[in-house]
Amino acid sequence: MSLGPIDFLALEFPGNKFDGSILTSILELVQAGIIRVIDLVVILKDQEGGVIVRELQELNPDSIRVLDPLDVEVTSMITRNDVDAIAAQLANNSTAAAMLFENLWAIKTKQAMLDADARVLMFERIPHEVVEENLAEMAGIGPSSA
C-alpha cells in the first residue's frame, strides 16, 4: 500500500479562542478524499505559561463530538518532541492545534513515480509569504513601472 505525502501543521489561536470554524474547511477536504487526518493534538498554554496537552481521545465529550466527523485515526505519530517545540513557540493564553495529515490526492501520482523508478532530487514547499513577496516584486518590475 502506497501512502500519499504526509504533512505536519501546527496552528496557534491567540487568547485560547479556538471556535472550531476552521473545522468546516478541513472536513470538506476529508469528505472529498483529498486528505486523511492521521493524528491531532491540542496544546493549551495558560496565562502563567503552564502547558496542557490533550490527545484527541482526552478531550471533553463536546470537543470530541465536534472533531468526530474528521475521522482522525489517532496514531500518536505526533511526538513529545513535536509538542515541546510547539509549546515553546506558543504565546501564553493561547491554544495550538497540531495535525498530521496524508495527502490522498497524490497517491496515484506518487505510485506512478515509483513505478517509473523516478528519484526525487528536490522537493520543497514554498511558504505563502515568499510567493506573495515574489509576486509583488514581479508586479513592480512589469512594463508599467518602466
C-alpha atoms as a PDB file:
ATOM      1  CA  MET A   1       0.000   0.000   0.000  1.00  0.00           C
ATOM      2  CA  SER A   2       1.396   3.359  -1.050  1.00  0.00           C
ATOM      3  CA  LEU A   3       0.849   6.348   1.194  1.00  0.00           C
ATOM      4  CA  GLY A   4       0.480   9.888  -0.022  1.00  0.00           C
ATOM      5  CA  PRO A   5       2.794  12.617   1.218  1.00  0.00           C
ATOM      6  CA  ILE A   6       2.332  13.367   4.910  1.00  0.00           C
ATOM      7  CA  ASP A   7       2.243  16.952   6.184  1.00  0.00           C
ATOM      8  CA  PHE A   8       2.504  18.311   9.702  1.00  0.00           C
ATOM      9  CA  LEU A   9       0.665  21.539  10.515  1.00  0.00           C
ATOM     10  CA  ALA A  10       0.519  23.436  13.803  1.00  0.00           C
ATOM     11  CA  LEU A  11      -1.710  26.498  14.182  1.00  0.00           C
ATOM     12  CA  GLU A  12      -1.812  28.950  17.077  1.00  0.00           C
ATOM     13  CA  PHE A  13      -5.073  30.502  18.272  1.00  0.00           C
ATOM     14  CA  PRO A  14      -4.269  33.527  20.471  1.00  0.00           C
ATOM     15  CA  GLY A  15      -6.355  34.137  23.558  1.00  0.00           C
ATOM     16  CA  ASN A  16      -7.452  30.487  23.639  1.00  0.00           C
ATOM     17  CA  LYS A  17     -10.190  31.456  21.170  1.00  0.00           C
ATOM     18  CA  PHE A  18     -10.425  28.292  19.112  1.00  0.00           C
ATOM     19  CA  ASP A  19     -14.026  28.374  17.941  1.00  0.00           C
ATOM     20  CA  GLY A  20     -13.859  25.385  15.594  1.00  0.00           C
ATOM     21  CA  SER A  21     -14.773  27.389  12.479  1.00  0.00           C
ATOM     22  CA  ILE A  22     -11.729  26.055  10.630  1.00  0.00           C
ATOM     23  CA  LEU A  23     -13.047  22.504  11.014  1.00  0.00           C
ATOM     24  CA  THR A  24     -15.626  23.002   8.243  1.00  0.00           C
ATOM     25  CA  SER A  25     -12.879  23.513   5.666  1.00  0.00           C
ATOM     26  CA  ILE A  26     -10.853  20.565   6.937  1.00  0.00           C
ATOM     27  CA  LEU A  27     -13.969  18.373   6.964  1.00  0.00           C
ATOM     28  CA  GLU A  28     -14.638  19.280   3.314  1.00  0.00           C
ATOM     29  CA  LEU A  29     -11.133  18.049   2.419  1.00  0.00           C
ATOM     30  CA  VAL A  30     -11.645  14.813   4.366  1.00  0.00           C
ATOM     31  CA  GLN A  31     -15.073  14.124   2.852  1.00  0.00           C
ATOM     32  CA  ALA A  32     -13.782  14.835  -0.669  1.00  0.00           C
ATOM     33  CA  GLY A  33     -10.979  12.277  -0.182  1.00  0.00           C
ATOM     34  CA  ILE A  34      -8.285  14.932  -0.568  1.00  0.00           C
ATOM     35  CA  ILE A  35      -6.698  14.413   2.860  1.00  0.00           C
ATOM     36  CA  ARG A  36      -6.853  11.921   5.712  1.00  0.00           C
ATOM     37  CA  VAL A  37      -6.181  13.179   9.238  1.00  0.00           C
ATOM     38  CA  ILE A  38      -3.697  10.822  10.849  1.00  0.00           C
ATOM     39  CA  ASP A  39      -3.213  12.492  14.218  1.00  0.00           C
ATOM     40  CA  LEU A  40      -4.435  15.541  16.108  1.00  0.00           C
ATOM     41  CA  VAL A  41      -3.177  17.077  19.343  1.00  0.00           C
ATOM     42  CA  VAL A  42      -4.407  20.182  21.170  1.00  0.00           C
ATOM     43  CA  ILE A  43      -1.873  22.171  23.195  1.00  0.00           C
ATOM     44  CA  LEU A  44      -3.059  24.829  25.647  1.00  0.00           C
ATOM     45  CA  LYS A  45      -0.854  27.387  27.365  1.00  0.00           C
ATOM     46  CA  ASP A  46      -2.405  29.243  30.280  1.00  0.00           C
ATOM     47  CA  GLN A  47      -1.791  32.830  31.386  1.00  0.00           C
ATOM     48  CA  GLU A  48       1.203  31.796  33.515  1.00  0.00           C
ATOM     49  CA  GLY A  49       2.817  29.658  30.793  1.00  0.00           C
ATOM     50  CA  GLY A  50       1.659  26.269  32.060  1.00  0.00           C
ATOM     51  CA  VAL A  51       1.157  23.778  29.232  1.00  0.00           C
ATOM     52  CA  ILE A  52      -1.638  21.219  28.947  1.00  0.00           C
ATOM     53  CA  VAL A  53      -1.539  18.657  26.127  1.00  0.00           C
ATOM     54  CA  ARG A  54      -4.614  16.747  25.032  1.00  0.00           C
ATOM     55  CA  GLU A  55      -4.656  13.907  22.555  1.00  0.00           C
ATOM     56  CA  LEU A  56      -7.943  13.687  20.697  1.00  0.00           C
ATOM     57  CA  GLN A  57      -9.305  10.918  22.899  1.00  0.00           C
ATOM     58  CA  GLU A  58      -8.513  13.007  26.021  1.00  0.00           C
ATOM     59  CA  LEU A  59     -10.662  15.987  25.024  1.00  0.00           C
ATOM     60  CA  ASN A  60     -14.016  16.673  26.639  1.00  0.00           C
ATOM     61  CA  PRO A  61     -17.059  14.956  25.052  1.00  0.00           C
ATOM     62  CA  ASP A  62     -18.275  18.178  23.376  1.00  0.00           C
ATOM     63  CA  SER A  63     -14.912  18.704  21.665  1.00  0.00           C
ATOM     64  CA  ILE A  64     -14.748  15.059  20.619  1.00  0.00           C
ATOM     65  CA  ARG A  65     -18.227  15.344  19.097  1.00  0.00           C
ATOM     66  CA  VAL A  66     -17.158  18.402  17.081  1.00  0.00           C
ATOM     67  CA  LEU A  67     -13.972  16.703  15.826  1.00  0.00           C
ATOM     68  CA  ASP A  68     -15.514  13.271  15.292  1.00  0.00           C
ATOM     69  CA  PRO A  69     -16.553  13.880  11.639  1.00  0.00           C
ATOM     70  CA  LEU A  70     -12.856  14.317  10.768  1.00  0.00           C
ATOM     71  CA  ASP A  71     -12.434  10.579  11.424  1.00  0.00           C
ATOM     72  CA  VAL A  72      -8.987  11.123  12.965  1.00  0.00           C
ATOM     73  CA  GLU A  73      -7.039   7.892  13.353  1.00  0.00           C
ATOM     74  CA  VAL A  74      -5.013   8.978  16.434  1.00  0.00           C
ATOM     75  CA  THR A  75      -1.778   7.215  15.576  1.00  0.00           C
ATOM     76  CA  SER A  76       0.252   9.041  18.231  1.00  0.00           C
ATOM     77  CA  MET A  77       2.746   9.946  15.492  1.00  0.00           C
ATOM     78  CA  ILE A  78       2.906  13.496  16.843  1.00  0.00           C
ATOM     79  CA  THR A  79       5.713  13.070  19.347  1.00  0.00           C
ATOM     80  CA  ARG A  80       6.530  14.660  22.668  1.00  0.00           C
ATOM     81  CA  ASN A  81       9.396  16.485  20.912  1.00  0.00           C
ATOM     82  CA  ASP A  82       6.885  17.935  18.423  1.00  0.00           C
ATOM     83  CA  VAL A  83       4.625  19.045  21.259  1.00  0.00           C
ATOM     84  CA  ASP A  84       7.554  20.584  23.188  1.00  0.00           C
ATOM     85  CA  ALA A  85       8.710  22.516  20.093  1.00  0.00           C
ATOM     86  CA  ILE A  86       5.199  23.880  19.525  1.00  0.00           C
ATOM     87  CA  ALA A  87       4.703  24.737  23.201  1.00  0.00           C
ATOM     88  CA  ALA A  88       7.985  26.659  23.207  1.00  0.00           C
ATOM     89  CA  GLN A  89       6.676  28.921  20.415  1.00  0.00           C
ATOM     90  CA  LEU A  90       3.152  29.222  21.808  1.00  0.00           C
ATOM     91  CA  ALA A  91       2.285  32.520  23.491  1.00  0.00           C
ATOM     92  CA  ASN A  92       0.765  32.473  26.973  1.00  0.00           C
ATOM     93  CA  ASN A  93      -3.030  32.272  26.975  1.00  0.00           C
ATOM     94  CA  SER A  94      -3.097  30.538  23.572  1.00  0.00           C
ATOM     95  CA  THR A  95      -4.167  27.241  22.067  1.00  0.00           C
ATOM     96  CA  ALA A  96      -2.397  25.290  19.341  1.00  0.00           C
ATOM     97  CA  ALA A  97      -3.784  22.505  17.216  1.00  0.00           C
ATOM     98  CA  ALA A  98      -1.216  20.153  15.703  1.00  0.00           C
ATOM     99  CA  MET A  99      -2.381  17.942  12.866  1.00  0.00           C
ATOM    100  CA  LEU A 100      -0.675  15.263  10.830  1.00  0.00           C
ATOM    101  CA  PHE A 101      -2.433  14.535   7.540  1.00  0.00           C
ATOM    102  CA  GLU A 102      -1.920  12.402   4.470  1.00  0.00           C
ATOM    103  CA  ASN A 103      -2.395  13.972   1.050  1.00  0.00           C
ATOM    104  CA  LEU A 104      -4.598  11.325  -0.546  1.00  0.00           C
ATOM    105  CA  TRP A 105      -4.805  13.284  -3.798  1.00  0.00           C
ATOM    106  CA  ALA A 106      -1.125  12.498  -4.502  1.00  0.00           C
ATOM    107  CA  ILE A 107      -1.113   8.711  -4.046  1.00  0.00           C
ATOM    108  CA  LYS A 108      -1.702   7.808  -7.707  1.00  0.00           C
ATOM    109  CA  THR A 109       0.996  10.183  -8.951  1.00  0.00           C
ATOM    110  CA  LYS A 110       3.445   9.049  -6.271  1.00  0.00           C
ATOM    111  CA  GLN A 111       2.890   5.427  -7.248  1.00  0.00           C
ATOM    112  CA  ALA A 112       3.424   6.280 -10.933  1.00  0.00           C
ATOM    113  CA  MET A 113       6.736   7.906  -9.999  1.00  0.00           C
ATOM    114  CA  LEU A 114       7.797   4.841  -8.020  1.00  0.00           C
ATOM    115  CA  ASP A 115       6.767   2.517 -10.855  1.00  0.00           C
ATOM    116  CA  ALA A 116       8.881   4.609 -13.255  1.00  0.00           C
ATOM    117  CA  ASP A 117      11.907   4.292 -10.928  1.00  0.00           C
ATOM    118  CA  ALA A 118      11.944   8.066 -10.541  1.00  0.00           C
ATOM    119  CA  ARG A 119      14.184   9.518  -7.867  1.00  0.00           C
ATOM    120  CA  VAL A 120      13.253  12.732  -6.073  1.00  0.00           C
ATOM    121  CA  LEU A 121      16.145  15.161  -6.332  1.00  0.00           C
ATOM    122  CA  MET A 122      14.430  18.040  -4.597  1.00  0.00           C
ATOM    123  CA  PHE A 123      11.064  18.770  -3.060  1.00  0.00           C
ATOM    124  CA  GLU A 124      10.332  21.909  -1.105  1.00  0.00           C
ATOM    125  CA  ARG A 125       7.142  23.706  -0.161  1.00  0.00           C
ATOM    126  CA  ILE A 126       7.446  27.420  -0.793  1.00  0.00           C
ATOM    127  CA  PRO A 127       5.950  29.454   2.096  1.00  0.00           C
ATOM    128  CA  HIS A 128       2.982  31.639   1.153  1.00  0.00           C
ATOM    129  CA  GLU A 129       4.779  34.781   2.310  1.00  0.00           C
ATOM    130  CA  VAL A 130       7.676  34.101  -0.085  1.00  0.00           C
ATOM    131  CA  VAL A 131       5.275  33.622  -3.006  1.00  0.00           C
ATOM    132  CA  GLU A 132       3.463  36.876  -2.134  1.00  0.00           C
ATOM    133  CA  GLU A 133       6.771  38.779  -1.892  1.00  0.00           C
ATOM    134  CA  ASN A 134       7.941  37.446  -5.257  1.00  0.00           C
ATOM    135  CA  LEU A 135       4.637  38.287  -6.937  1.00  0.00           C
ATOM    136  CA  ALA A 136       4.778  41.818  -5.520  1.00  0.00           C
ATOM    137  CA  GLU A 137       8.354  42.241  -6.773  1.00  0.00           C
ATOM    138  CA  MET A 138       7.367  40.924 -10.216  1.00  0.00           C
ATOM    139  CA  ALA A 139       4.446  43.341 -10.353  1.00  0.00           C
ATOM    140  CA  GLY A 140       6.840  46.235  -9.625  1.00  0.00           C
ATOM    141  CA  ILE A 141       9.212  45.158 -12.411  1.00  0.00           C
ATOM    142  CA  GLY A 142       6.484  44.886 -15.069  1.00  0.00           C
ATOM    143  CA  PRO A 143       6.192  47.159 -18.166  1.00  0.00           C
ATOM    144  CA  SER A 144       4.011  49.704 -16.353  1.00  0.00           C
ATOM    145  CA  SER A 145       6.841  50.673 -13.969  1.00  0.00           C
ATOM    146  CA  ALA A 146       9.415  51.449 -16.694  1.00  0.00           C
END
